[in-house]
Amino acid sequence: MAGRRALKAVLIDLSGTLHIEDTAVPGAQDALNRLRKSSVAVKFVTNTTKESKRNLLERLQRLNFDLQEKEIFTSLSAARSLLEQKQHRPLLLVEHSALEDFTGIDTSEPNAVVVGLAPDHFDYQTLNKAFRMILEGAPLIAIHKARYYKRKDGLALGPGPFVTGLEYAADCKATVVGKPERTFFTQALSDLGCSPSEAVMIGDDARDDVGGAQNAGMLGILVRTGKYRKGDESKINPPPHLTCDNFPDAVEYIMKNLDTSH
């Protein structure tokens, strides 16, 4: 890399990068504290639709991560913005614990289908209801389309297969609001006063975290924790700027190789 790239912001994925369910990635808290001692802005960007921002914050604080609610930008926030902008009344296929992020949104007589990760709602009856609404003209909004994610007991289906099933059946295309959409990354950076060329994304998902960030003009660092599987780095073009073992190694690289001194 020619010279040290000026860096103003680091976007960090949560699940699979800093923690897996209720277990922190070893050394991640100290690495985050080290990053905060530099002058870069830090933001946590997540496609999680399993829990509200408040629940997520509480989980991370229990694991001794130093962060505040205003530093978290989720695909639920992005979906809410879209619903407000379009004045849609959604049928919300999201986990009960995520519903509070939609408080105040009118869901009576729904005219749009919103799909997040909602194992309890992915039954034939509910999906068929969504399918019929889409056939009658309701837009299909995917909070994200991840194929799978990492749980303690192994990999698990994400919302992507269910969104794709509805697209296939109703012959339509979903509007996707979370990672890897370019607008998700630009929205996340919007209040940090920096351009994508001055930001780095760290995540465990080659396509959604790293590929999405790099398509938006950022550098992407892939970590081999969480959902990472051998060979993931070759699934995107251009490949990740860097692939390293874990979040502490990514921070080490940033501190040594990028200019964080503004």
C-alpha atoms as a PDB file:
ATOM      1  CA  MET A   1       0.000   0.000   0.000  1.00  0.00           C
ATOM      2  CA  ALA A   2       1.478   3.338  -1.044  1.00  0.00           C
ATOM      3  CA  GLY A   3       1.994   5.439   2.096  1.00  0.00           C
ATOM      4  CA  ARG A   4      -0.191   5.106   5.173  1.00  0.00           C
ATOM      5  CA  ARG A   5      -3.870   5.446   4.307  1.00  0.00           C
ATOM      6  CA  ALA A   6      -5.542   8.172   6.379  1.00  0.00           C
ATOM      7  CA  LEU A   7      -8.186   6.570   8.541  1.00  0.00           C
ATOM      8  CA  LYS A   8     -11.031   8.381  10.286  1.00  0.00           C
ATOM      9  CA  ALA A   9     -13.516   5.595  11.076  1.00  0.00           C
ATOM     10  CA  VAL A  10     -13.678   1.873  11.766  1.00  0.00           C
ATOM     11  CA  LEU A  11     -16.974   0.054  11.272  1.00  0.00           C
ATOM     12  CA  ILE A  12     -17.160  -3.175  13.262  1.00  0.00           C
ATOM     13  CA  ASP A  13     -19.555  -6.076  12.802  1.00  0.00           C
ATOM     14  CA  LEU A  14     -20.875  -7.577  16.056  1.00  0.00           C
ATOM     15  CA  SER A  15     -22.058 -11.201  15.906  1.00  0.00           C
ATOM     16  CA  GLY A  16     -19.191 -13.459  14.806  1.00  0.00           C
ATOM     17  CA  THR A  17     -16.656 -10.637  15.019  1.00  0.00           C
ATOM     18  CA  LEU A  18     -16.812  -9.365  18.630  1.00  0.00           C
ATOM     19  CA  HIS A  19     -18.971 -12.164  20.093  1.00  0.00           C
ATOM     20  CA  ILE A  20     -20.882 -15.364  19.339  1.00  0.00           C
ATOM     21  CA  GLU A  21     -24.163 -15.271  21.268  1.00  0.00           C
ATOM     22  CA  ASP A  22     -23.086 -14.762  24.915  1.00  0.00           C
ATOM     23  CA  THR A  23     -19.359 -15.422  24.461  1.00  0.00           C
ATOM     24  CA  ALA A  24     -16.857 -12.724  23.549  1.00  0.00           C
ATOM     25  CA  VAL A  25     -14.090 -13.396  21.030  1.00  0.00           C
ATOM     26  CA  PRO A  26     -10.958 -13.718  23.241  1.00  0.00           C
ATOM     27  CA  GLY A  27      -9.162 -10.372  23.631  1.00  0.00           C
ATOM     28  CA  ALA A  28     -11.837  -8.408  21.747  1.00  0.00           C
ATOM     29  CA  GLN A  29     -12.644  -6.034  24.648  1.00  0.00           C
ATOM     30  CA  ASP A  30      -8.995  -5.003  25.090  1.00  0.00           C
ATOM     31  CA  ALA A  31      -8.556  -4.595  21.331  1.00  0.00           C
ATOM     32  CA  LEU A  32     -11.611  -2.312  21.187  1.00  0.00           C
ATOM     33  CA  ASN A  33     -10.260  -0.221  24.068  1.00  0.00           C
ATOM     34  CA  ARG A  34      -6.938   0.060  22.251  1.00  0.00           C
ATOM     35  CA  LEU A  35      -8.673   1.244  19.076  1.00  0.00           C
ATOM     36  CA  ARG A  36     -10.607   3.852  21.068  1.00  0.00           C
ATOM     37  CA  LYS A  37      -7.343   5.346  22.363  1.00  0.00           C
ATOM     38  CA  SER A  38      -6.506   6.392  18.789  1.00  0.00           C
ATOM     39  CA  SER A  39      -8.393   9.279  17.193  1.00  0.00           C
ATOM     40  CA  VAL A  40     -10.605   7.190  14.888  1.00  0.00           C
ATOM     41  CA  ALA A  41     -14.391   7.121  15.234  1.00  0.00           C
ATOM     42  CA  VAL A  42     -15.856   3.693  15.958  1.00  0.00           C
ATOM     43  CA  LYS A  43     -19.285   2.470  14.893  1.00  0.00           C
ATOM     44  CA  PHE A  44     -20.859  -0.948  15.291  1.00  0.00           C
ATOM     45  CA  VAL A  45     -22.823  -2.070  12.246  1.00  0.00           C
ATOM     46  CA  THR A  46     -24.937  -5.169  12.345  1.00  0.00           C
ATOM     47  CA  ASN A  47     -27.498  -7.031  10.286  1.00  0.00           C
ATOM     48  CA  THR A  48     -28.939  -8.593  13.413  1.00  0.00           C
ATOM     49  CA  THR A  49     -32.713  -8.745  13.383  1.00  0.00           C
ATOM     50  CA  LYS A  50     -32.969 -11.146  16.315  1.00  0.00           C
ATOM     51  CA  GLU A  51     -33.005  -8.451  18.977  1.00  0.00           C
ATOM     52  CA  SER A  52     -33.572  -4.760  19.473  1.00  0.00           C
ATOM     53  CA  LYS A  53     -30.737  -2.283  19.719  1.00  0.00           C
ATOM     54  CA  ARG A  54     -31.329  -2.019  23.483  1.00  0.00           C
ATOM     55  CA  ASN A  55     -31.121  -5.807  23.996  1.00  0.00           C
ATOM     56  CA  LEU A  56     -27.986  -5.922  21.882  1.00  0.00           C
ATOM     57  CA  LEU A  57     -26.376  -3.138  23.895  1.00  0.00           C
ATOM     58  CA  GLU A  58     -27.199  -4.913  27.174  1.00  0.00           C
ATOM     59  CA  ARG A  59     -25.735  -8.185  25.874  1.00  0.00           C
ATOM     60  CA  LEU A  60     -22.480  -6.496  24.835  1.00  0.00           C
ATOM     61  CA  GLN A  61     -22.192  -4.528  28.066  1.00  0.00           C
ATOM     62  CA  ARG A  62     -22.612  -7.780  30.035  1.00  0.00           C
ATOM     63  CA  LEU A  63     -19.618  -9.078  28.062  1.00  0.00           C
ATOM     64  CA  ASN A  64     -17.648  -5.972  29.190  1.00  0.00           C
ATOM     65  CA  PHE A  65     -17.584  -4.200  25.833  1.00  0.00           C
ATOM     66  CA  ASP A  66     -17.360  -0.438  26.128  1.00  0.00           C
ATOM     67  CA  LEU A  67     -19.995   0.990  23.760  1.00  0.00           C
ATOM     68  CA  GLN A  68     -23.061   3.227  23.707  1.00  0.00           C
ATOM     69  CA  GLU A  69     -26.413   2.801  22.012  1.00  0.00           C
ATOM     70  CA  LYS A  70     -25.820   5.745  19.649  1.00  0.00           C
ATOM     71  CA  GLU A  71     -22.734   3.955  18.265  1.00  0.00           C
ATOM     72  CA  ILE A  72     -24.803   0.985  17.059  1.00  0.00           C
ATOM     73  CA  PHE A  73     -26.315   1.103  13.556  1.00  0.00           C
ATOM     74  CA  THR A  74     -28.496  -1.864  12.684  1.00  0.00           C
ATOM     75  CA  SER A  75     -30.384  -3.089   9.655  1.00  0.00           C
ATOM     76  CA  LEU A  76     -33.517  -2.663  11.812  1.00  0.00           C
ATOM     77  CA  SER A  77     -32.751   1.099  11.977  1.00  0.00           C
ATOM     78  CA  ALA A  78     -32.327   1.177   8.197  1.00  0.00           C
ATOM     79  CA  ALA A  79     -35.604  -0.730   7.669  1.00  0.00           C
ATOM     80  CA  ARG A  80     -37.498   1.597   9.991  1.00  0.00           C
ATOM     81  CA  SER A  81     -36.190   4.642   8.063  1.00  0.00           C
ATOM     82  CA  LEU A  82     -37.452   3.133   4.795  1.00  0.00           C
ATOM     83  CA  LEU A  83     -40.906   2.349   6.254  1.00  0.00           C
ATOM     84  CA  GLU A  84     -41.254   5.905   7.577  1.00  0.00           C
ATOM     85  CA  GLN A  85     -40.093   7.424   4.321  1.00  0.00           C
ATOM     86  CA  LYS A  86     -42.526   5.338   2.216  1.00  0.00           C
ATOM     87  CA  GLN A  87     -45.292   5.413   4.875  1.00  0.00           C
ATOM     88  CA  HIS A  88     -45.710   1.632   4.608  1.00  0.00           C
ATOM     89  CA  ARG A  89     -47.737  -0.369   7.143  1.00  0.00           C
ATOM     90  CA  PRO A  90     -45.675  -3.543   7.521  1.00  0.00           C
ATOM     91  CA  LEU A  91     -46.419  -7.175   8.186  1.00  0.00           C
ATOM     92  CA  LEU A  92     -43.317  -7.655  10.383  1.00  0.00           C
ATOM     93  CA  LEU A  93     -41.663 -11.065  10.172  1.00  0.00           C
ATOM     94  CA  VAL A  94     -39.111 -10.341  12.884  1.00  0.00           C
ATOM     95  CA  GLU A  95     -38.367 -11.838  16.290  1.00  0.00           C
ATOM     96  CA  HIS A  96     -40.567 -10.619  19.141  1.00  0.00           C
ATOM     97  CA  SER A  97     -37.441  -9.195  20.850  1.00  0.00           C
ATOM     98  CA  ALA A  98     -36.759  -6.930  17.826  1.00  0.00           C
ATOM     99  CA  LEU A  99     -40.255  -5.431  17.659  1.00  0.00           C
ATOM    100  CA  GLU A 100     -39.478  -2.559  20.008  1.00  0.00           C
ATOM    101  CA  ASP A 101     -37.294  -0.978  17.305  1.00  0.00           C
ATOM    102  CA  PHE A 102     -40.535  -0.532  15.317  1.00  0.00           C
ATOM    103  CA  THR A 103     -42.536   1.053  18.167  1.00  0.00           C
ATOM    104  CA  GLY A 104     -44.908   3.680  16.797  1.00  0.00           C
ATOM    105  CA  ILE A 105     -44.996   2.248  13.263  1.00  0.00           C
ATOM    106  CA  ASP A 106     -48.591   1.558  12.135  1.00  0.00           C
ATOM    107  CA  THR A 107     -49.026  -2.176  11.443  1.00  0.00           C
ATOM    108  CA  SER A 108     -52.829  -2.179  11.020  1.00  0.00           C
ATOM    109  CA  GLU A 109     -54.065  -3.487   7.650  1.00  0.00           C
ATOM    110  CA  PRO A 110     -50.494  -4.098   6.442  1.00  0.00           C
ATOM    111  CA  ASN A 111     -49.533  -3.154   2.881  1.00  0.00           C
ATOM    112  CA  ALA A 112     -45.853  -4.217   2.901  1.00  0.00           C
ATOM    113  CA  VAL A 113     -43.974  -7.378   3.919  1.00  0.00           C
ATOM    114  CA  VAL A 114     -40.816  -6.974   6.015  1.00  0.00           C
ATOM    115  CA  VAL A 115     -38.651 -10.055   6.582  1.00  0.00           C
ATOM    116  CA  GLY A 116     -35.897 -10.367   9.171  1.00  0.00           C
ATOM    117  CA  LEU A 117     -34.563 -13.417  10.968  1.00  0.00           C
ATOM    118  CA  ALA A 118     -37.689 -14.839  12.569  1.00  0.00           C
ATOM    119  CA  PRO A 119     -37.535 -18.633  13.065  1.00  0.00           C
ATOM    120  CA  ASP A 120     -40.856 -18.560  14.954  1.00  0.00           C
ATOM    121  CA  HIS A 121     -42.631 -16.953  11.970  1.00  0.00           C
ATOM    122  CA  PHE A 122     -41.090 -19.016   9.173  1.00  0.00           C
ATOM    123  CA  ASP A 123     -43.996 -21.452   9.039  1.00  0.00           C
ATOM    124  CA  TYR A 124     -46.132 -22.256   6.016  1.00  0.00           C
ATOM    125  CA  GLN A 125     -49.159 -20.253   7.132  1.00  0.00           C
ATOM    126  CA  THR A 126     -47.272 -16.996   7.777  1.00  0.00           C
ATOM    127  CA  LEU A 127     -45.129 -17.241   4.670  1.00  0.00           C
ATOM    128  CA  ASN A 128     -48.225 -18.000   2.595  1.00  0.00           C
ATOM    129  CA  LYS A 129     -49.941 -14.897   3.993  1.00  0.00           C
ATOM    130  CA  ALA A 130     -46.876 -12.847   3.011  1.00  0.00           C
ATOM    131  CA  PHE A 131     -46.862 -14.473  -0.443  1.00  0.00           C
ATOM    132  CA  ARG A 132     -50.520 -13.544  -1.065  1.00  0.00           C
ATOM    133  CA  MET A 133     -49.939  -9.948   0.056  1.00  0.00           C
ATOM    134  CA  ILE A 134     -46.999  -9.630  -2.363  1.00  0.00           C
ATOM    135  CA  LEU A 135     -49.136 -11.031  -5.207  1.00  0.00           C
ATOM    136  CA  GLU A 136     -51.653  -8.285  -4.458  1.00  0.00           C
ATOM    137  CA  GLY A 137     -48.967  -5.621  -4.845  1.00  0.00           C
ATOM    138  CA  ALA A 138     -47.358  -5.313  -1.393  1.00  0.00           C
ATOM    139  CA  PRO A 139     -43.617  -4.566  -1.639  1.00  0.00           C
ATOM    140  CA  LEU A 140     -41.233  -7.167  -0.173  1.00  0.00           C
ATOM    141  CA  ILE A 141     -38.574  -5.612   2.065  1.00  0.00           C
ATOM    142  CA  ALA A 142     -35.692  -7.770   3.292  1.00  0.00           C
ATOM    143  CA  ILE A 143     -33.928  -6.454   6.377  1.00  0.00           C
ATOM    144  CA  HIS A 144     -31.020  -8.452   4.979  1.00  0.00           C
ATOM    145  CA  LYS A 145     -30.494 -11.595   2.892  1.00  0.00           C
ATOM    146  CA  ALA A 146     -27.767 -13.457   4.796  1.00  0.00           C
ATOM    147  CA  ARG A 147     -27.619 -17.116   3.809  1.00  0.00           C
ATOM    148  CA  TYR A 148     -26.640 -18.285   7.304  1.00  0.00           C
ATOM    149  CA  TYR A 149     -25.110 -17.142  10.607  1.00  0.00           C
ATOM    150  CA  LYS A 150     -23.168 -18.722  13.470  1.00  0.00           C
ATOM    151  CA  ARG A 151     -24.834 -19.991  16.636  1.00  0.00           C
ATOM    152  CA  LYS A 152     -23.247 -21.859  19.543  1.00  0.00           C
ATOM    153  CA  ASP A 153     -24.579 -25.130  18.120  1.00  0.00           C
ATOM    154  CA  GLY A 154     -23.287 -24.476  14.581  1.00  0.00           C
ATOM    155  CA  LEU A 155     -24.341 -22.626  11.429  1.00  0.00           C
ATOM    156  CA  ALA A 156     -28.046 -21.761  11.085  1.00  0.00           C
ATOM    157  CA  LEU A 157     -30.245 -20.547   8.228  1.00  0.00           C
ATOM    158  CA  GLY A 158     -30.513 -16.775   7.899  1.00  0.00           C
ATOM    159  CA  PRO A 159     -33.462 -14.844   6.416  1.00  0.00           C
ATOM    160  CA  GLY A 160     -31.981 -15.002   2.886  1.00  0.00           C
ATOM    161  CA  PRO A 161     -33.408 -18.425   1.943  1.00  0.00           C
ATOM    162  CA  PHE A 162     -36.920 -17.341   3.033  1.00  0.00           C
ATOM    163  CA  VAL A 163     -36.735 -13.989   1.224  1.00  0.00           C
ATOM    164  CA  THR A 164     -35.481 -15.785  -1.889  1.00  0.00           C
ATOM    165  CA  GLY A 165     -38.352 -18.289  -1.602  1.00  0.00           C
ATOM    166  CA  LEU A 166     -40.898 -15.435  -1.570  1.00  0.00           C
ATOM    167  CA  GLU A 167     -39.135 -13.726  -4.503  1.00  0.00           C
ATOM    168  CA  TYR A 168     -39.227 -16.987  -6.454  1.00  0.00           C
ATOM    169  CA  ALA A 169     -42.876 -17.765  -5.686  1.00  0.00           C
ATOM    170  CA  ALA A 170     -44.207 -14.241  -6.265  1.00  0.00           C
ATOM    171  CA  ASP A 171     -41.828 -13.503  -9.179  1.00  0.00           C
ATOM    172  CA  CYS A 172     -40.633 -10.276  -7.569  1.00  0.00           C
ATOM    173  CA  LYS A 173     -37.447  -8.681  -6.288  1.00  0.00           C
ATOM    174  CA  ALA A 174     -37.055  -7.676  -2.630  1.00  0.00           C
ATOM    175  CA  THR A 175     -35.700  -4.309  -1.572  1.00  0.00           C
ATOM    176  CA  VAL A 176     -32.739  -5.112   0.709  1.00  0.00           C
ATOM    177  CA  VAL A 177     -31.807  -2.554   3.380  1.00  0.00           C
ATOM    178  CA  GLY A 178     -28.962  -4.120   5.414  1.00  0.00           C
ATOM    179  CA  LYS A 179     -25.415  -5.114   4.536  1.00  0.00           C
ATOM    180  CA  PRO A 180     -24.114  -5.499   1.795  1.00  0.00           C
ATOM    181  CA  GLU A 181     -26.173  -2.603   0.346  1.00  0.00           C
ATOM    182  CA  ARG A 182     -24.077   0.492  -0.389  1.00  0.00           C
ATOM    183  CA  THR A 183     -26.695   2.785   1.210  1.00  0.00           C
ATOM    184  CA  PHE A 184     -26.400   0.873   4.494  1.00  0.00           C
ATOM    185  CA  PHE A 185     -22.681   1.682   4.718  1.00  0.00           C
ATOM    186  CA  THR A 186     -23.093   5.319   3.625  1.00  0.00           C
ATOM    187  CA  GLN A 187     -25.917   5.779   6.187  1.00  0.00           C
ATOM    188  CA  ALA A 188     -23.663   4.292   8.894  1.00  0.00           C
ATOM    189  CA  LEU A 189     -20.889   6.767   8.004  1.00  0.00           C
ATOM    190  CA  SER A 190     -23.196   9.757   7.513  1.00  0.00           C
ATOM    191  CA  ASP A 191     -22.868  11.234  11.019  1.00  0.00           C
ATOM    192  CA  LEU A 192     -19.134  10.519  11.356  1.00  0.00           C
ATOM    193  CA  GLY A 193     -18.072  13.198   8.878  1.00  0.00           C
ATOM    194  CA  CYS A 194     -15.853  10.931   6.810  1.00  0.00           C
ATOM    195  CA  SER A 195     -15.893   9.492   3.320  1.00  0.00           C
ATOM    196  CA  PRO A 196     -15.781   5.737   2.566  1.00  0.00           C
ATOM    197  CA  SER A 197     -12.131   6.083   1.474  1.00  0.00           C
ATOM    198  CA  GLU A 198     -11.298   7.091   5.071  1.00  0.00           C
ATOM    199  CA  ALA A 199     -13.038   4.077   6.647  1.00  0.00           C
ATOM    200  CA  VAL A 200     -12.368   0.383   7.272  1.00  0.00           C
ATOM    201  CA  MET A 201     -14.893  -2.404   7.908  1.00  0.00           C
ATOM    202  CA  ILE A 202     -14.052  -5.463  10.041  1.00  0.00           C
ATOM    203  CA  GLY A 203     -16.351  -8.499   9.802  1.00  0.00           C
ATOM    204  CA  ASP A 204     -16.700 -12.287   9.566  1.00  0.00           C
ATOM    205  CA  ASP A 205     -18.923 -12.335   6.462  1.00  0.00           C
ATOM    206  CA  ALA A 206     -16.938 -12.094   3.231  1.00  0.00           C
ATOM    207  CA  ARG A 207     -19.909 -11.069   1.074  1.00  0.00           C
ATOM    208  CA  ASP A 208     -22.013  -8.888   3.354  1.00  0.00           C
ATOM    209  CA  ASP A 209     -19.369  -7.220   5.538  1.00  0.00           C
ATOM    210  CA  VAL A 210     -16.229  -7.097   3.423  1.00  0.00           C
ATOM    211  CA  GLY A 211     -17.594  -7.225  -0.133  1.00  0.00           C
ATOM    212  CA  GLY A 212     -20.327  -4.710   0.705  1.00  0.00           C
ATOM    213  CA  ALA A 213     -17.901  -2.294   2.371  1.00  0.00           C
ATOM    214  CA  GLN A 214     -15.390  -2.534  -0.466  1.00  0.00           C
ATOM    215  CA  ASN A 215     -18.126  -1.926  -3.055  1.00  0.00           C
ATOM    216  CA  ALA A 216     -18.988   1.217  -1.091  1.00  0.00           C
ATOM    217  CA  GLY A 217     -15.373   2.430  -1.335  1.00  0.00           C
ATOM    218  CA  MET A 218     -14.014   1.270   2.031  1.00  0.00           C
ATOM    219  CA  LEU A 219     -11.244  -1.174   2.922  1.00  0.00           C
ATOM    220  CA  GLY A 220     -12.504  -4.531   4.219  1.00  0.00           C
ATOM    221  CA  ILE A 221     -10.835  -6.803   6.760  1.00  0.00           C
ATOM    222  CA  LEU A 222     -12.178 -10.362   7.032  1.00  0.00           C
ATOM    223  CA  VAL A 223     -11.757 -12.230  10.332  1.00  0.00           C
ATOM    224  CA  ARG A 224     -11.632 -16.021  10.609  1.00  0.00           C
ATOM    225  CA  THR A 225     -14.138 -16.216  13.491  1.00  0.00           C
ATOM    226  CA  GLY A 226     -17.943 -16.570  13.569  1.00  0.00           C
ATOM    227  CA  LYS A 227     -19.420 -17.738  10.279  1.00  0.00           C
ATOM    228  CA  TYR A 228     -16.064 -17.643   8.439  1.00  0.00           C
ATOM    229  CA  ARG A 229     -15.311 -20.836   6.516  1.00  0.00           C
ATOM    230  CA  LYS A 230     -12.085 -21.750   4.782  1.00  0.00           C
ATOM    231  CA  GLY A 231     -11.929 -20.248   1.298  1.00  0.00           C
ATOM    232  CA  ASP A 232     -14.459 -17.443   1.992  1.00  0.00           C
ATOM    233  CA  GLU A 233     -11.875 -14.828   0.970  1.00  0.00           C
ATOM    234  CA  SER A 234     -11.954 -16.146  -2.597  1.00  0.00           C
ATOM    235  CA  LYS A 235     -15.745 -15.684  -2.846  1.00  0.00           C
ATOM    236  CA  ILE A 236     -15.512 -11.937  -3.451  1.00  0.00           C
ATOM    237  CA  ASN A 237     -13.810  -9.834  -6.090  1.00  0.00           C
ATOM    238  CA  PRO A 238     -11.808  -7.795  -5.302  1.00  0.00           C
ATOM    239  CA  PRO A 239     -10.651 -10.030  -2.410  1.00  0.00           C
ATOM    240  CA  PRO A 240     -10.525  -8.649   1.143  1.00  0.00           C
ATOM    241  CA  HIS A 241      -7.866  -6.002   1.752  1.00  0.00           C
ATOM    242  CA  LEU A 242      -6.719  -8.330   4.536  1.00  0.00           C
ATOM    243  CA  THR A 243      -7.817 -11.627   6.090  1.00  0.00           C
ATOM    244  CA  CYS A 244      -6.680 -12.221   9.664  1.00  0.00           C
ATOM    245  CA  ASP A 245      -7.426 -14.622  12.489  1.00  0.00           C
ATOM    246  CA  ASN A 246      -9.581 -12.429  14.708  1.00  0.00           C
ATOM    247  CA  PHE A 247     -10.633  -8.926  15.764  1.00  0.00           C
ATOM    248  CA  PRO A 248      -7.542  -8.253  17.966  1.00  0.00           C
ATOM    249  CA  ASP A 249      -5.298  -9.081  14.965  1.00  0.00           C
ATOM    250  CA  ALA A 250      -7.334  -6.707  12.775  1.00  0.00           C
ATOM    251  CA  VAL A 251      -6.876  -3.893  15.315  1.00  0.00           C
ATOM    252  CA  GLU A 252      -3.151  -4.642  15.538  1.00  0.00           C
ATOM    253  CA  TYR A 253      -2.879  -4.313  11.749  1.00  0.00           C
ATOM    254  CA  ILE A 254      -4.841  -1.026  11.698  1.00  0.00           C
ATOM    255  CA  MET A 255      -2.698   0.536  14.448  1.00  0.00           C
ATOM    256  CA  LYS A 256       0.541  -0.448  12.699  1.00  0.00           C
ATOM    257  CA  ASN A 257      -0.317   0.159   9.074  1.00  0.00           C
ATOM    258  CA  LEU A 258      -2.959   2.870   8.791  1.00  0.00           C
ATOM    259  CA  ASP A 259      -2.670   6.521   9.796  1.00  0.00           C
ATOM    260  CA  THR A 260      -4.967   6.972  12.799  1.00  0.00           C
ATOM    261  CA  SER A 261      -3.351  10.181  14.009  1.00  0.00           C
ATOM    262  CA  HIS A 262      -5.908  12.871  13.046  1.00  0.00           C
END
